[in-house]
Every structure is written in C-alpha cells, then in structure tokens.
C-alpha atoms as a PDB file:
ATOM      1  CA  MET A   1      39.945  58.346  20.824  1.00  0.00           C
ATOM      2  CA  GLU A   2      43.007  58.154  22.891  1.00  0.00           C
ATOM      3  CA  GLY A   3      44.977  55.755  20.704  1.00  0.00           C
ATOM      4  CA  GLU A   4      43.473  57.462  17.667  1.00  0.00           C
ATOM      5  CA  LEU A   5      45.043  60.887  18.966  1.00  0.00           C
ATOM      6  CA  ARG A   6      48.537  59.286  19.620  1.00  0.00           C
ATOM      7  CA  ARG A   7      48.807  58.065  16.037  1.00  0.00           C
ATOM      8  CA  GLY A   8      47.865  60.901  14.320  1.00  0.00           C
ATOM      9  CA  LEU A   9      50.163  63.021  16.313  1.00  0.00           C
ATOM     10  CA  VAL A  10      53.019  61.084  15.339  1.00  0.00           C
ATOM     11  CA  ARG A  11      51.956  61.049  11.676  1.00  0.00           C
ATOM     12  CA  LEU A  12      51.583  64.723  11.500  1.00  0.00           C
ATOM     13  CA  GLY A  13      54.971  65.399  13.182  1.00  0.00           C
ATOM     14  CA  ALA A  14      53.502  66.999  16.402  1.00  0.00           C
ATOM     15  CA  VAL A  15      55.511  64.981  18.324  1.00  0.00           C
ATOM     16  CA  PRO A  16      59.000  63.060  17.493  1.00  0.00           C
ATOM     17  CA  ARG A  17      58.440  59.474  16.271  1.00  0.00           C
ATOM     18  CA  GLY A  18      59.164  56.784  18.759  1.00  0.00           C
ATOM     19  CA  SER A  19      59.098  59.334  21.455  1.00  0.00           C
ATOM     20  CA  ASP A  20      56.724  59.207  24.554  1.00  0.00           C
ATOM     21  CA  ILE A  21      53.522  60.896  24.149  1.00  0.00           C
ATOM     22  CA  ASP A  22      52.446  63.380  27.397  1.00  0.00           C
ATOM     23  CA  LEU A  23      48.589  62.876  26.575  1.00  0.00           C
ATOM     24  CA  GLU A  24      45.665  62.520  28.666  1.00  0.00           C
ATOM     25  CA  VAL A  25      42.178  62.430  28.516  1.00  0.00           C
ATOM     26  CA  ALA A  26      39.562  63.447  30.596  1.00  0.00           C
ATOM     27  CA  SER A  27      37.328  60.720  30.083  1.00  0.00           C
ATOM     28  CA  ARG A  28      37.194  57.315  28.242  1.00  0.00           C
ATOM     29  CA  THR A  29      34.041  55.580  27.195  1.00  0.00           C
ATOM     30  CA  ASP A  30      32.824  52.026  26.328  1.00  0.00           C
ATOM     31  CA  ARG A  31      33.106  50.601  22.811  1.00  0.00           C
ATOM     32  CA  GLY A  32      29.984  52.052  21.197  1.00  0.00           C
ATOM     33  CA  VAL A  33      29.611  55.473  22.955  1.00  0.00           C
ATOM     34  CA  SER A  34      29.955  58.730  21.378  1.00  0.00           C
ATOM     35  CA  ALA A  35      31.358  61.966  22.585  1.00  0.00           C
ATOM     36  CA  ARG A  36      29.533  65.395  21.683  1.00  0.00           C
ATOM     37  CA  ALA A  37      32.770  66.910  23.865  1.00  0.00           C
ATOM     38  CA  ASN A  38      36.028  65.680  25.587  1.00  0.00           C
ATOM     39  CA  ALA A  39      39.066  67.017  27.015  1.00  0.00           C
ATOM     40  CA  PHE A  40      42.708  65.888  26.910  1.00  0.00           C
ATOM     41  CA  ALA A  41      45.747  67.670  27.751  1.00  0.00           C
ATOM     42  CA  LEU A  42      49.008  67.519  25.637  1.00  0.00           C
ATOM     43  CA  ARG A  43      52.313  68.676  26.273  1.00  0.00           C
ATOM     44  CA  ALA A  44      53.515  69.968  22.755  1.00  0.00           C
ATOM     45  CA  ASP A  45      55.802  73.269  21.292  1.00  0.00           C
ATOM     46  CA  HIS A  46      53.185  74.447  18.633  1.00  0.00           C
ATOM     47  CA  SER A  47      51.575  77.374  19.432  1.00  0.00           C
ATOM     48  CA  GLY A  48      47.554  77.012  20.404  1.00  0.00           C
ATOM     49  CA  PRO A  49      46.136  78.094  16.822  1.00  0.00           C
ATOM     50  CA  THR A  50      48.500  75.787  15.067  1.00  0.00           C
ATOM     51  CA  LEU A  51      48.067  73.094  17.244  1.00  0.00           C
ATOM     52  CA  LEU A  52      44.236  73.388  16.597  1.00  0.00           C
ATOM     53  CA  ARG A  53      44.829  73.146  12.700  1.00  0.00           C
ATOM     54  CA  MET A  54      47.163  70.357  13.243  1.00  0.00           C
ATOM     55  CA  LEU A  55      44.573  68.451  15.380  1.00  0.00           C
ATOM     56  CA  ASN A  56      41.916  68.868  13.474  1.00  0.00           C
ATOM     57  CA  GLY A  57      43.238  67.070  10.331  1.00  0.00           C
ATOM     58  CA  LEU A  58      43.990  63.979  12.581  1.00  0.00           C
ATOM     59  CA  SER A  59      40.523  62.479  12.277  1.00  0.00           C
ATOM     60  CA  SER A  60      37.470  63.205  10.458  1.00  0.00           C
ATOM     61  CA  SER A  61      35.469  61.894  13.572  1.00  0.00           C
ATOM     62  CA  ILE A  62      37.249  63.922  16.102  1.00  0.00           C
ATOM     63  CA  TRP A  63      36.916  67.764  15.798  1.00  0.00           C
ATOM     64  CA  CYS A  64      39.019  69.840  18.553  1.00  0.00           C
ATOM     65  CA  THR A  65      37.215  73.477  19.347  1.00  0.00           C
ATOM     66  CA  ALA A  66      39.214  75.268  21.728  1.00  0.00           C
ATOM     67  CA  ALA A  67      42.954  75.104  23.445  1.00  0.00           C
ATOM     68  CA  THR A  68      44.522  77.001  26.450  1.00  0.00           C
ATOM     69  CA  PRO A  69      47.708  76.446  28.142  1.00  0.00           C
ATOM     70  CA  VAL A  70      47.694  75.347  31.289  1.00  0.00           C
ATOM     71  CA  PRO A  71      50.186  74.735  34.361  1.00  0.00           C
ATOM     72  CA  ASP A  72      52.187  71.497  35.158  1.00  0.00           C
ATOM     73  CA  ASP A  73      50.017  70.334  37.820  1.00  0.00           C
ATOM     74  CA  PHE A  74      46.828  70.826  35.795  1.00  0.00           C
ATOM     75  CA  ARG A  75      45.282  67.318  35.909  1.00  0.00           C
ATOM     76  CA  VAL A  76      42.646  66.739  32.907  1.00  0.00           C
ATOM     77  CA  ARG A  77      40.847  64.174  34.562  1.00  0.00           C
ATOM     78  CA  ALA A  78      39.929  66.072  37.548  1.00  0.00           C
ATOM     79  CA  ALA A  79      36.881  67.996  35.323  1.00  0.00           C
ATOM     80  CA  SER A  80      34.524  69.932  37.609  1.00  0.00           C
ATOM     81  CA  ARG A  81      31.620  68.422  35.848  1.00  0.00           C
ATOM     82  CA  ARG A  82      31.029  65.684  33.244  1.00  0.00           C
ATOM     83  CA  VAL A  83      27.544  65.659  31.604  1.00  0.00           C
ATOM     84  CA  TYR A  84      25.985  62.699  29.843  1.00  0.00           C
ATOM     85  CA  ARG A  85      22.903  61.946  27.649  1.00  0.00           C
ATOM     86  CA  TYR A  86      21.303  59.014  27.017  1.00  0.00           C
ATOM     87  CA  PHE A  87      18.852  59.022  23.885  1.00  0.00           C
ATOM     88  CA  ASP A  88      16.533  56.288  25.147  1.00  0.00           C
ATOM     89  CA  PRO A  89      14.541  54.970  22.314  1.00  0.00           C
ATOM     90  CA  LEU A  90      12.164  53.033  24.172  1.00  0.00           C
ATOM     91  CA  PRO A  91       8.986  54.034  25.337  1.00  0.00           C
ATOM     92  CA  SER A  92       7.985  54.966  28.576  1.00  0.00           C
ATOM     93  CA  ARG A  93       4.815  52.985  30.440  1.00  0.00           C
ATOM     94  CA  ARG A  94       4.883  55.581  33.795  1.00  0.00           C
ATOM     95  CA  ALA A  95       7.091  58.755  32.884  1.00  0.00           C
ATOM     96  CA  ASP A  96       6.212  60.131  36.133  1.00  0.00           C
ATOM     97  CA  ARG A  97       7.332  57.287  37.770  1.00  0.00           C
ATOM     98  CA  GLN A  98      10.848  57.374  36.056  1.00  0.00           C
ATOM     99  CA  ALA A  99      11.391  61.550  36.446  1.00  0.00           C
ATOM    100  CA  ALA A 100      10.457  60.688  40.634  1.00  0.00           C
ATOM    101  CA  ALA A 101      13.287  57.607  40.332  1.00  0.00           C
ATOM    102  CA  ALA A 102      15.845  60.030  38.633  1.00  0.00           C
ATOM    103  CA  ARG A 103      15.320  62.717  41.418  1.00  0.00           C
ATOM    104  CA  LEU A 104      16.668  59.908  44.257  1.00  0.00           C
ATOM    105  CA  PHE A 105      20.090  60.148  42.257  1.00  0.00           C
ATOM    106  CA  SER A 106      21.248  63.466  44.259  1.00  0.00           C
ATOM    107  CA  GLY A 107      23.898  63.877  46.370  1.00  0.00           C
ATOM    108  CA  ALA A 108      26.200  61.094  47.721  1.00  0.00           C
ATOM    109  CA  ILE A 109      25.162  58.110  46.620  1.00  0.00           C
ATOM    110  CA  ASP A 110      26.519  54.179  47.004  1.00  0.00           C
ATOM    111  CA  VAL A 111      27.640  53.379  43.427  1.00  0.00           C
ATOM    112  CA  ARG A 112      28.133  49.523  43.964  1.00  0.00           C
ATOM    113  CA  SER A 113      24.913  48.370  42.281  1.00  0.00           C
ATOM    114  CA  LEU A 114      25.858  51.312  39.541  1.00  0.00           C
ATOM    115  CA  GLY A 115      29.536  50.214  38.493  1.00  0.00           C
ATOM    116  CA  ARG A 116      31.651  47.362  37.769  1.00  0.00           C
ATOM    117  CA  GLY A 117      34.837  45.830  39.553  1.00  0.00           C
ATOM    118  CA  LEU A 118      33.865  47.403  42.509  1.00  0.00           C
ATOM    119  CA  PRO A 119      34.178  46.484  46.114  1.00  0.00           C
ATOM    120  CA  SER A 120      31.186  45.028  47.326  1.00  0.00           C
ATOM    121  CA  GLU A 121      31.941  44.650  51.158  1.00  0.00           C
ATOM    122  CA  LYS A 122      31.039  48.090  51.997  1.00  0.00           C
ATOM    123  CA  PRO A 123      29.755  51.427  50.185  1.00  0.00           C
ATOM    124  CA  VAL A 124      31.510  53.467  47.179  1.00  0.00           C
ATOM    125  CA  TRP A 125      30.200  56.829  47.622  1.00  0.00           C
ATOM    126  CA  ARG A 126      30.346  59.154  44.793  1.00  0.00           C
ATOM    127  CA  THR A 127      28.526  62.596  44.460  1.00  0.00           C
ATOM    128  CA  ILE A 128      26.026  63.150  41.909  1.00  0.00           C
ATOM    129  CA  GLU A 129      24.554  66.660  40.758  1.00  0.00           C
ATOM    130  CA  SER A 130      21.290  65.147  38.995  1.00  0.00           C
ATOM    131  CA  VAL A 131      19.948  62.841  36.943  1.00  0.00           C
ATOM    132  CA  SER A 132      16.568  64.145  35.007  1.00  0.00           C
ATOM    133  CA  VAL A 133      14.657  62.344  32.117  1.00  0.00           C
ATOM    134  CA  ARG A 134      12.757  64.548  29.856  1.00  0.00           C
ATOM    135  CA  PRO A 135      10.242  63.270  26.871  1.00  0.00           C
ATOM    136  CA  ALA A 136      11.692  63.456  23.225  1.00  0.00           C
ATOM    137  CA  ARG A 137      10.184  62.880  20.116  1.00  0.00           C
ATOM    138  CA  SER A 138      11.095  59.302  20.163  1.00  0.00           C
ATOM    139  CA  GLY A 139      11.427  57.712  23.709  1.00  0.00           C
ATOM    140  CA  SER A 140      13.212  60.001  26.088  1.00  0.00           C
ATOM    141  CA  VAL A 141      16.524  61.587  26.660  1.00  0.00           C
ATOM    142  CA  VAL A 142      18.312  61.066  30.265  1.00  0.00           C
ATOM    143  CA  GLU A 143      20.743  63.361  31.565  1.00  0.00           C
ATOM    144  CA  ALA A 144      23.280  62.611  34.245  1.00  0.00           C
ATOM    145  CA  ARG A 145      25.489  65.417  35.775  1.00  0.00           C
ATOM    146  CA  ALA A 146      28.387  64.726  38.141  1.00  0.00           C
ATOM    147  CA  PRO A 147      32.069  65.810  38.685  1.00  0.00           C
ATOM    148  CA  SER A 148      32.932  61.900  38.049  1.00  0.00           C
ATOM    149  CA  PHE A 149      31.275  58.443  37.077  1.00  0.00           C
ATOM    150  CA  VAL A 150      32.490  54.751  37.959  1.00  0.00           C
ATOM    151  CA  TRP A 151      32.923  52.316  34.978  1.00  0.00           C
ATOM    152  CA  GLY A 152      29.295  51.850  33.418  1.00  0.00           C
ATOM    153  CA  MET A 153      27.355  53.865  35.819  1.00  0.00           C
ATOM    154  CA  VAL A 154      25.086  56.091  33.505  1.00  0.00           C
ATOM    155  CA  ARG A 155      24.247  52.975  31.071  1.00  0.00           C
ATOM    156  CA  LYS A 156      23.581  51.226  34.933  1.00  0.00           C
ATOM    157  CA  ILE A 157      21.534  54.357  35.931  1.00  0.00           C
ATOM    158  CA  VAL A 158      19.299  54.133  32.415  1.00  0.00           C
ATOM    159  CA  ALA A 159      18.540  50.457  33.407  1.00  0.00           C
ATOM    160  CA  ALA A 160      17.455  51.177  36.804  1.00  0.00           C
ATOM    161  CA  LEU A 161      14.929  53.677  35.587  1.00  0.00           C
ATOM    162  CA  ARG A 162      14.060  50.889  33.153  1.00  0.00           C
ATOM    163  CA  GLU A 163      13.213  48.247  35.733  1.00  0.00           C
ATOM    164  CA  VAL A 164      11.315  51.064  38.148  1.00  0.00           C
ATOM    165  CA  ASP A 165       9.253  52.137  34.938  1.00  0.00           C
ATOM    166  CA  ALA A 166       8.568  48.379  34.273  1.00  0.00           C
ATOM    167  CA  GLY A 167       7.645  47.830  38.038  1.00  0.00           C
ATOM    168  CA  ARG A 168      10.442  45.092  38.577  1.00  0.00           C
ATOM    169  CA  LEU A 169      12.270  47.406  40.970  1.00  0.00           C
ATOM    170  CA  SER A 170      10.171  49.533  43.528  1.00  0.00           C
ATOM    171  CA  PRO A 171      11.595  53.406  43.896  1.00  0.00           C
ATOM    172  CA  GLU A 172      12.147  52.172  47.955  1.00  0.00           C
ATOM    173  CA  ARG A 173      14.595  49.238  47.269  1.00  0.00           C
ATOM    174  CA  LEU A 174      16.443  51.725  44.697  1.00  0.00           C
ATOM    175  CA  ALA A 175      16.771  54.318  47.492  1.00  0.00           C
ATOM    176  CA  ASP A 176      17.721  51.692  49.678  1.00  0.00           C
ATOM    177  CA  ALA A 177      20.616  50.609  47.158  1.00  0.00           C
ATOM    178  CA  LEU A 178      21.843  54.308  46.640  1.00  0.00           C
ATOM    179  CA  ALA A 179      21.632  54.765  50.614  1.00  0.00           C
ATOM    180  CA  GLY A 180      24.171  52.001  50.797  1.00  0.00           C
ATOM    181  CA  ARG A 181      21.877  49.712  52.940  1.00  0.00           C
ATOM    182  CA  ILE A 182      21.434  46.779  50.090  1.00  0.00           C
ATOM    183  CA  ARG A 183      23.238  46.011  46.391  1.00  0.00           C
ATOM    184  CA  LEU A 184      21.172  45.543  43.850  1.00  0.00           C
ATOM    185  CA  THR A 185      21.811  43.505  40.052  1.00  0.00           C
ATOM    186  CA  LEU A 186      21.104  45.924  37.264  1.00  0.00           C
ATOM    187  CA  PRO A 187      21.376  44.802  33.507  1.00  0.00           C
ATOM    188  CA  MET A 188      23.742  47.454  31.375  1.00  0.00           C
ATOM    189  CA  ALA A 189      21.645  49.649  29.108  1.00  0.00           C
ATOM    190  CA  GLU A 190      23.180  49.586  25.379  1.00  0.00           C
ATOM    191  CA  PRO A 191      26.061  51.673  24.531  1.00  0.00           C
ATOM    192  CA  GLU A 192      24.919  53.149  21.255  1.00  0.00           C
ATOM    193  CA  PRO A 193      22.214  55.899  22.638  1.00  0.00           C
ATOM    194  CA  LEU A 194      25.114  57.295  24.945  1.00  0.00           C
ATOM    195  CA  VAL A 195      26.830  60.443  24.553  1.00  0.00           C
ATOM    196  CA  LEU A 196      29.441  62.201  26.557  1.00  0.00           C
ATOM    197  CA  TRP A 197      27.771  65.891  26.339  1.00  0.00           C
ATOM    198  CA  ASN A 198      30.518  68.084  28.060  1.00  0.00           C
ATOM    199  CA  VAL A 199      33.282  68.123  30.239  1.00  0.00           C
ATOM    200  CA  GLU A 200      33.666  71.487  32.216  1.00  0.00           C
ATOM    201  CA  TYR A 201      36.703  73.253  33.835  1.00  0.00           C
ATOM    202  CA  PRO A 202      37.176  76.647  35.970  1.00  0.00           C
ATOM    203  CA  LEU A 203      39.204  77.996  33.051  1.00  0.00           C
ATOM    204  CA  ARG A 204      38.884  80.166  30.022  1.00  0.00           C
ATOM    205  CA  TRP A 205      39.706  78.862  26.633  1.00  0.00           C
ATOM    206  CA  GLN A 206      42.288  81.212  25.063  1.00  0.00           C
ATOM    207  CA  PHE A 207      42.018  80.213  21.109  1.00  0.00           C
ATOM    208  CA  SER A 208      39.370  79.116  19.392  1.00  0.00           C
ATOM    209  CA  TRP A 209      39.053  76.754  16.077  1.00  0.00           C
ATOM    210  CA  THR A 210      37.954  78.971  13.338  1.00  0.00           C
ATOM    211  CA  GLY A 211      36.817  76.118  10.873  1.00  0.00           C
ATOM    212  CA  PRO A 212      35.541  74.629   9.351  1.00  0.00           C
ATOM    213  CA  SER A 213      37.441  74.574   5.861  1.00  0.00           C
ATOM    214  CA  ARG A 214      35.833  73.748   3.153  1.00  0.00           C
ATOM    215  CA  ARG A 215      37.166  70.244   3.128  1.00  0.00           C
ATOM    216  CA  ASP A 216      35.995  69.643   6.852  1.00  0.00           C
ATOM    217  CA  SER A 217      32.658  70.869   5.394  1.00  0.00           C
ATOM    218  CA  VAL A 218      32.679  68.499   2.689  1.00  0.00           C
ATOM    219  CA  ARG A 219      33.568  65.618   5.139  1.00  0.00           C
ATOM    220  CA  TRP A 220      30.685  66.633   7.614  1.00  0.00           C
ATOM    221  CA  ASP A 221      27.997  66.865   4.866  1.00  0.00           C
ATOM    222  CA  ARG A 222      28.994  63.183   4.067  1.00  0.00           C
ATOM    223  CA  ASN A 223      28.768  62.139   7.511  1.00  0.00           C
ATOM    224  CA  TYR A 224      25.295  63.372   7.902  1.00  0.00           C
ATOM    225  CA  ALA A 225      24.202  62.186   4.620  1.00  0.00           C
ATOM    226  CA  ALA A 226      25.327  58.816   5.892  1.00  0.00           C
ATOM    227  CA  LEU A 227      23.178  59.206   9.091  1.00  0.00           C
ATOM    228  CA  ARG A 228      20.380  59.924   6.858  1.00  0.00           C
ATOM    229  CA  ALA A 229      20.718  56.905   4.483  1.00  0.00           C
ATOM    230  CA  ARG A 230      21.089  54.923   7.785  1.00  0.00           C
ATOM    231  CA  ARG A 231      17.854  56.200   8.961  1.00  0.00           C
ATOM    232  CA  ARG A 232      15.913  55.267   6.037  1.00  0.00           C
ATOM    233  CA  VAL A 233      17.447  51.910   5.508  1.00  0.00           C
ATOM    234  CA  LEU A 234      16.188  51.250   9.354  1.00  0.00           C
ATOM    235  CA  ASP A 235      12.527  52.703   8.344  1.00  0.00           C
ATOM    236  CA  ALA A 236      12.871  50.294   5.448  1.00  0.00           C
ATOM    237  CA  ILE A 237      13.454  46.948   6.900  1.00  0.00           C
ATOM    238  CA  VAL A 238      11.760  47.317  10.540  1.00  0.00           C
ATOM    239  CA  PRO A 239       8.076  46.136  10.555  1.00  0.00           C
ATOM    240  CA  GLN A 240       5.743  49.051  11.504  1.00  0.00           C
ATOM    241  CA  SER A 241       3.720  46.524  13.784  1.00  0.00           C
ATOM    242  CA  GLY A 242       4.999  47.252  17.394  1.00  0.00           C
ATOM    243  CA  ARG A 243       8.247  48.959  16.388  1.00  0.00           C
ATOM    244  CA  ARG A 244      10.343  50.670  18.630  1.00  0.00           C
ATOM    245  CA  ARG A 245      11.900  53.103  16.987  1.00  0.00           C
ATOM    246  CA  ALA A 246      15.640  53.417  17.233  1.00  0.00           C
ATOM    247  CA  SER A 247      17.942  56.567  17.624  1.00  0.00           C
ATOM    248  CA  ALA A 248      20.784  57.002  15.654  1.00  0.00           C
ATOM    249  CA  ALA A 249      23.487  58.562  18.016  1.00  0.00           C
ATOM    250  CA  GLN A 250      25.391  61.451  15.981  1.00  0.00           C
ATOM    251  CA  PRO A 251      29.110  61.579  14.972  1.00  0.00           C
ATOM    252  CA  THR A 252      31.610  63.306  17.203  1.00  0.00           C
ATOM    253  CA  ARG A 253      31.426  67.048  16.139  1.00  0.00           C
ATOM    254  CA  SER A 254      33.224  69.129  18.746  1.00  0.00           C
ATOM    255  CA  GLN A 255      36.329  67.953  21.153  1.00  0.00           C
ATOM    256  CA  ARG A 256      37.859  70.442  23.495  1.00  0.00           C
ATOM    257  CA  SER A 257      41.572  70.191  24.158  1.00  0.00           C
ATOM    258  CA  SER A 258      44.043  71.956  26.408  1.00  0.00           C
ATOM    259  CA  PHE A 259      47.944  71.649  26.301  1.00  0.00           C
END
C-alpha cells in the first residue's frame, strides 16, 4: 500500500515530483494479506476534503474514508489498538479446545514463538488484549486485538490454535511458551485469509469521505463481480468429496488517513 500511495501522490500532484514524501503507514502487512482499515500520516498542503478526493483517485484497491489534522509529534504507528481477523476455512475438530487455547493469549505474553527474527536468549514481551474464535458458515473466524503485533504474529497464533485443535500441541505447552518458559517452533498460517480489520486512535476524525462517486460505485461493483466469479470457478473445479471450502478475502473497502 505504501508504495502505491507514494507513486499516486506524485502522479496526482499532491506532492512535488522528485521531492521527499513525508509519509508513514500505521501497519505493514505480508504479501497476500488484505486490509479493511489502515491509517497513514501525510504532510500535505491540501485541505482535508480536497486531500480525500485526491487520495480516492489513486487506486481501485485503496479507499480513504476520513482525515484529520495531527500535531508534528504524532506517530501513526503508535496506535491504541490494532484488530486482525483471520477467516480460517479449515474446519475445527474441537471448537471448545480452540476457544480455550485462544483465551491463553491475554495480558503480557512472550512472543518468541510467534514472530520472526526475534532474539531467542530471553523472553520478548508484548501485551495482548484478547484472541477469540467464533464459528463461521465455513470454518471459523479468529480475532486478535492488541496495541501492536510482531512480524507474522497473527498467522502463528492461528497456527498454534490449529496445532492445539489437532492434538499436536497441548494447552499446557502453549501456556508455558506464552509465559516464557519454553520456545515453540510453529508453522505459519496462510496469508490470504488474514485481514487487518481496524487501527484505532484516541482522536476524532474531522473530515469524512462523502463518496462514492458514480465511477467509484461502478469500480466497486466490478470488484465484487470478479470475486463472485472466482468463487463459482472454485466451486466448479474443486472436487466435492472431502472438500475444504476456501474463503476468499474481500478487497480493501476502507482506509483511514491522517495528515
């Protein structure tokens, strides 16, 4: 998203060509991960409504819904809460076991088993508000809430829940890992079902997007038509016997911006 924003801002004349773009994005996601909402801070001379109109002309996959002025010392990465949802298409054998394991992810936990590129000698602590699992029409939805996450953390949380559900990881060993007593080697869940659902700040957004325009509505309808066609193709080519139904992540609908 950040690269697309930078290229589009120069193309539309929001910033001078060849100049440094003062842009900071709240959350960076792995390739294949979608975002329902994200935030970025941008230094620009345009008013809020004008800037929103310009930003919504950058890309068919980025939609900016609100903007607000912020002080120079504002850090967009210092969000009060980030919310991720993982739309897991795999059926659960023991939903009660998964739900109990999810409740272990609360408070200060050691994330060495849940991230990449972290030091291994001593615990790395992060505060997690909650992880919950709820059944869905196909599979389940895992929601994780925290001020921040380390790289790959939500996908490894999902992998840990799958391991507990399959009986390959006991809740006791998972609890020991989160308490910093042992370190686990966990796989990484697939990125496509993961969505950055929201990024929250203790501020009021002063300017709201008044769209969509007719052109935006046509573009959005085409995106949804493409998704429906993709689902029909998958239903036609995947064998019915023993099929694990896939869940396609929706395209990005809303992005929040600050400037």
